[in-house]
Amino acid sequence: METHCCEDMRREVERVCDQHPDRFDCPDCLVGYSPRFREYGLLIHDGGSSWMCIRYCPWCGSLLPESLRGQDAERGAAADGRGTEPFRDV
């Protein structure tokens, strides 16, 4: 179980929508979290799966953890050629 900076952040990254199985399709889902990369991001609802990484919590202002993305690439975790999608971890 992930520990987030505040209750508002936890509630937002765990939000589930009955009408939209894909968080990127739901206008009520605002923030996503990638445990693989330890990244938080604002979901961009433009019909795709775009997002913008954030460094501070929009609710409590806490500095969010540093991303592991560079470390993951150094370990060769994405070497299978599929690329990475931050909020669609396998």
N, C-alpha and C. Protein backbone atom coordinates (compact mmCIF):
# COMPACT_ATOMS: atom_id res chain seq x y z
N MET A 1 0.83 -1.18 0.00
CA MET A 1 0.00 0.00 0.00
C MET A 1 0.88 1.25 0.00
N GLU A 2 0.59 2.13 -0.92
CA GLU A 2 1.35 3.37 -1.05
C GLU A 2 0.96 4.36 0.04
N THR A 3 1.93 5.12 0.51
CA THR A 3 1.66 6.20 1.44
C THR A 3 1.80 7.51 0.67
N HIS A 4 0.74 8.28 0.65
CA HIS A 4 0.74 9.56 -0.07
C HIS A 4 0.86 10.69 0.94
N CYS A 5 1.14 11.87 0.47
CA CYS A 5 1.43 13.00 1.35
C CYS A 5 0.25 13.46 2.19
N CYS A 6 -0.98 13.26 1.71
CA CYS A 6 -2.15 13.70 2.46
C CYS A 6 -3.37 12.88 2.03
N GLU A 7 -4.41 12.99 2.79
CA GLU A 7 -5.64 12.24 2.52
C GLU A 7 -6.26 12.65 1.17
N ASP A 8 -6.19 13.93 0.84
CA ASP A 8 -6.75 14.39 -0.44
C ASP A 8 -6.02 13.75 -1.61
N MET A 9 -4.69 13.67 -1.54
CA MET A 9 -3.92 13.04 -2.62
C MET A 9 -4.26 11.55 -2.70
N ARG A 10 -4.31 10.88 -1.56
CA ARG A 10 -4.65 9.45 -1.57
C ARG A 10 -6.00 9.22 -2.21
N ARG A 11 -6.99 10.01 -1.81
CA ARG A 11 -8.34 9.87 -2.34
C ARG A 11 -8.35 10.09 -3.86
N GLU A 12 -7.60 11.07 -4.32
CA GLU A 12 -7.60 11.37 -5.76
C GLU A 12 -6.93 10.29 -6.59
N VAL A 13 -5.78 9.79 -6.16
CA VAL A 13 -5.09 8.77 -6.97
C VAL A 13 -5.78 7.41 -6.91
N GLU A 14 -6.64 7.21 -5.89
CA GLU A 14 -7.38 5.95 -5.78
C GLU A 14 -8.80 6.06 -6.31
N ARG A 15 -9.18 7.21 -6.84
CA ARG A 15 -10.54 7.42 -7.34
C ARG A 15 -10.87 6.41 -8.44
N VAL A 16 -12.06 5.81 -8.33
CA VAL A 16 -12.56 4.86 -9.32
C VAL A 16 -13.90 5.38 -9.82
N CYS A 17 -14.10 5.30 -11.12
CA CYS A 17 -15.33 5.79 -11.73
C CYS A 17 -16.14 4.62 -12.29
N ASP A 18 -17.43 4.59 -11.97
CA ASP A 18 -18.31 3.53 -12.48
C ASP A 18 -18.54 3.66 -13.98
N GLN A 19 -18.51 4.88 -14.48
CA GLN A 19 -18.85 5.14 -15.89
C GLN A 19 -17.65 5.10 -16.83
N HIS A 20 -16.44 5.27 -16.29
CA HIS A 20 -15.23 5.34 -17.13
C HIS A 20 -14.17 4.38 -16.58
N PRO A 21 -14.02 3.21 -17.17
CA PRO A 21 -13.00 2.28 -16.68
C PRO A 21 -11.58 2.81 -16.85
N ASP A 22 -11.38 3.71 -17.81
CA ASP A 22 -10.06 4.31 -18.04
C ASP A 22 -10.05 5.69 -17.39
N ARG A 23 -9.14 5.90 -16.43
CA ARG A 23 -9.06 7.16 -15.70
C ARG A 23 -8.89 8.36 -16.64
N PHE A 24 -8.24 8.16 -17.79
CA PHE A 24 -8.01 9.26 -18.73
C PHE A 24 -9.30 9.70 -19.42
N ASP A 25 -10.32 8.86 -19.37
CA ASP A 25 -11.62 9.21 -19.96
C ASP A 25 -12.55 9.89 -18.96
N CYS A 26 -12.23 9.84 -17.69
CA CYS A 26 -13.11 10.37 -16.65
C CYS A 26 -12.74 11.81 -16.29
N PRO A 27 -13.65 12.75 -16.49
CA PRO A 27 -13.34 14.15 -16.18
C PRO A 27 -13.18 14.41 -14.68
N ASP A 28 -13.61 13.47 -13.84
CA ASP A 28 -13.47 13.64 -12.40
C ASP A 28 -12.11 13.17 -11.87
N CYS A 29 -11.39 12.39 -12.65
CA CYS A 29 -10.06 11.92 -12.25
C CYS A 29 -9.04 12.96 -12.68
N LEU A 30 -8.39 13.56 -11.71
CA LEU A 30 -7.49 14.68 -12.00
C LEU A 30 -6.01 14.33 -11.89
N VAL A 31 -5.68 13.44 -10.95
CA VAL A 31 -4.28 13.12 -10.68
C VAL A 31 -4.07 11.62 -10.78
N GLY A 32 -2.95 11.24 -11.36
CA GLY A 32 -2.58 9.84 -11.43
C GLY A 32 -1.27 9.62 -10.70
N TYR A 33 -1.00 8.37 -10.39
CA TYR A 33 0.23 8.02 -9.69
C TYR A 33 0.81 6.76 -10.30
N SER A 34 2.10 6.76 -10.54
CA SER A 34 2.80 5.60 -11.05
C SER A 34 3.73 5.08 -9.96
N PRO A 35 3.36 3.96 -9.30
CA PRO A 35 4.25 3.41 -8.28
C PRO A 35 5.60 2.97 -8.86
N ARG A 36 5.59 2.51 -10.11
CA ARG A 36 6.83 2.06 -10.74
C ARG A 36 7.87 3.17 -10.78
N PHE A 37 7.41 4.38 -11.15
CA PHE A 37 8.33 5.51 -11.26
C PHE A 37 8.22 6.48 -10.09
N ARG A 38 7.28 6.21 -9.17
CA ARG A 38 7.04 7.09 -8.02
C ARG A 38 6.77 8.52 -8.50
N GLU A 39 5.91 8.62 -9.53
CA GLU A 39 5.56 9.91 -10.13
C GLU A 39 4.07 10.21 -9.95
N TYR A 40 3.79 11.48 -9.75
CA TYR A 40 2.42 11.98 -9.72
C TYR A 40 2.26 12.89 -10.93
N GLY A 41 1.06 12.93 -11.49
CA GLY A 41 0.85 13.80 -12.64
C GLY A 41 -0.59 14.21 -12.79
N LEU A 42 -0.78 15.36 -13.41
CA LEU A 42 -2.11 15.85 -13.74
C LEU A 42 -2.53 15.21 -15.06
N LEU A 43 -3.69 14.57 -15.06
CA LEU A 43 -4.19 13.92 -16.28
C LEU A 43 -4.72 14.99 -17.23
N ILE A 44 -4.36 14.88 -18.48
CA ILE A 44 -4.82 15.82 -19.50
C ILE A 44 -5.91 15.12 -20.30
N HIS A 45 -7.11 15.62 -20.17
CA HIS A 45 -8.27 14.99 -20.79
C HIS A 45 -8.48 15.53 -22.21
N ASP A 46 -7.67 15.00 -23.13
CA ASP A 46 -7.75 15.43 -24.53
C ASP A 46 -8.03 14.26 -25.46
N GLY A 47 -8.51 13.16 -24.89
CA GLY A 47 -8.81 11.99 -25.70
C GLY A 47 -7.68 10.97 -25.74
N GLY A 48 -6.54 11.32 -25.17
CA GLY A 48 -5.40 10.40 -25.17
C GLY A 48 -5.02 10.04 -23.74
N SER A 49 -3.74 9.73 -23.56
CA SER A 49 -3.27 9.37 -22.23
C SER A 49 -2.14 10.29 -21.78
N SER A 50 -2.27 11.57 -22.12
CA SER A 50 -1.26 12.55 -21.74
C SER A 50 -1.39 12.93 -20.28
N TRP A 51 -0.29 13.33 -19.70
CA TRP A 51 -0.28 13.79 -18.32
C TRP A 51 0.92 14.70 -18.15
N MET A 52 0.89 15.49 -17.08
CA MET A 52 2.00 16.39 -16.79
C MET A 52 2.49 16.10 -15.38
N CYS A 53 3.74 15.75 -15.27
CA CYS A 53 4.33 15.42 -13.98
C CYS A 53 4.28 16.64 -13.05
N ILE A 54 3.98 16.39 -11.77
CA ILE A 54 3.96 17.48 -10.79
C ILE A 54 4.96 17.17 -9.69
N ARG A 55 5.50 18.21 -9.09
CA ARG A 55 6.50 18.04 -8.03
C ARG A 55 5.95 18.37 -6.65
N TYR A 56 4.81 19.07 -6.60
CA TYR A 56 4.21 19.46 -5.33
C TYR A 56 2.75 19.03 -5.29
N CYS A 57 2.27 18.67 -4.14
CA CYS A 57 0.88 18.27 -3.97
C CYS A 57 -0.02 19.50 -4.15
N PRO A 58 -1.05 19.40 -4.99
CA PRO A 58 -1.96 20.54 -5.20
C PRO A 58 -2.80 20.87 -3.96
N TRP A 59 -2.92 19.93 -3.01
CA TRP A 59 -3.76 20.15 -1.84
C TRP A 59 -2.96 20.62 -0.63
N CYS A 60 -1.89 19.92 -0.28
CA CYS A 60 -1.16 20.28 0.95
C CYS A 60 0.15 21.01 0.68
N GLY A 61 0.59 21.04 -0.57
CA GLY A 61 1.82 21.75 -0.93
C GLY A 61 3.10 20.99 -0.65
N SER A 62 3.01 19.74 -0.20
CA SER A 62 4.21 18.95 0.10
C SER A 62 5.02 18.68 -1.17
N LEU A 63 6.34 18.67 -1.01
CA LEU A 63 7.22 18.26 -2.09
C LEU A 63 7.01 16.76 -2.28
N LEU A 64 6.74 16.34 -3.50
CA LEU A 64 6.50 14.94 -3.80
C LEU A 64 7.83 14.22 -4.01
N PRO A 65 7.86 12.90 -3.89
CA PRO A 65 9.12 12.16 -4.03
C PRO A 65 9.76 12.36 -5.39
N GLU A 66 11.06 12.26 -5.43
CA GLU A 66 11.79 12.35 -6.69
C GLU A 66 11.46 11.13 -7.55
N SER A 67 11.31 11.36 -8.85
CA SER A 67 10.97 10.29 -9.78
C SER A 67 12.09 9.26 -9.86
N LEU A 68 11.71 8.01 -10.05
CA LEU A 68 12.67 6.93 -10.26
C LEU A 68 12.86 6.63 -11.75
N ARG A 69 12.26 7.43 -12.62
CA ARG A 69 12.29 7.16 -14.05
C ARG A 69 13.72 6.99 -14.59
N GLY A 70 14.63 7.87 -14.26
CA GLY A 70 16.01 7.77 -14.74
C GLY A 70 16.69 6.52 -14.23
N GLN A 71 16.47 6.19 -12.98
CA GLN A 71 17.06 4.99 -12.39
C GLN A 71 16.51 3.75 -13.06
N ASP A 72 15.22 3.75 -13.38
CA ASP A 72 14.59 2.61 -14.03
C ASP A 72 15.20 2.39 -15.42
N ALA A 73 15.42 3.48 -16.15
CA ALA A 73 16.00 3.38 -17.48
C ALA A 73 17.43 2.85 -17.40
N GLU A 74 18.16 3.29 -16.39
CA GLU A 74 19.53 2.82 -16.21
C GLU A 74 19.58 1.32 -15.95
N ARG A 75 18.58 0.80 -15.26
CA ARG A 75 18.53 -0.64 -14.98
C ARG A 75 18.05 -1.43 -16.19
N GLY A 76 17.58 -0.73 -17.22
CA GLY A 76 17.13 -1.43 -18.41
C GLY A 76 15.74 -2.03 -18.28
N ALA A 77 14.93 -1.50 -17.40
CA ALA A 77 13.59 -2.06 -17.17
C ALA A 77 12.70 -1.94 -18.39
N ALA A 78 12.95 -0.97 -19.26
CA ALA A 78 12.11 -0.79 -20.44
C ALA A 78 12.75 -1.42 -21.68
N ALA A 79 13.68 -2.33 -21.48
CA ALA A 79 14.42 -2.92 -22.59
C ALA A 79 13.58 -3.86 -23.45
N ASP A 80 12.36 -4.12 -23.07
CA ASP A 80 11.54 -5.04 -23.85
C ASP A 80 10.96 -4.38 -25.10
N GLY A 81 11.20 -3.08 -25.31
CA GLY A 81 10.76 -2.40 -26.52
C GLY A 81 9.33 -1.90 -26.49
N ARG A 82 8.60 -2.15 -25.40
CA ARG A 82 7.22 -1.70 -25.33
C ARG A 82 7.10 -0.24 -24.93
N GLY A 83 8.17 0.35 -24.44
CA GLY A 83 8.07 1.72 -23.95
C GLY A 83 7.46 1.75 -22.58
N THR A 84 7.20 2.94 -22.09
CA THR A 84 6.62 3.07 -20.75
C THR A 84 5.42 3.98 -20.80
N GLU A 85 4.42 3.65 -20.05
CA GLU A 85 3.25 4.49 -19.87
C GLU A 85 3.10 4.67 -18.37
N PRO A 86 3.35 5.87 -17.85
CA PRO A 86 3.47 6.06 -16.42
C PRO A 86 2.30 5.60 -15.56
N PHE A 87 1.05 5.74 -16.00
CA PHE A 87 -0.05 5.37 -15.14
C PHE A 87 -0.69 4.06 -15.56
N ARG A 88 -0.05 3.33 -16.42
CA ARG A 88 -0.57 2.04 -16.87
C ARG A 88 0.48 0.95 -16.60
N ASP A 89 0.96 0.93 -15.38
CA ASP A 89 1.99 -0.04 -15.02
C ASP A 89 1.48 -1.47 -15.18
N VAL A 90 2.36 -2.32 -15.61
CA VAL A 90 2.00 -3.73 -15.79
C VAL A 90 2.28 -4.48 -14.52
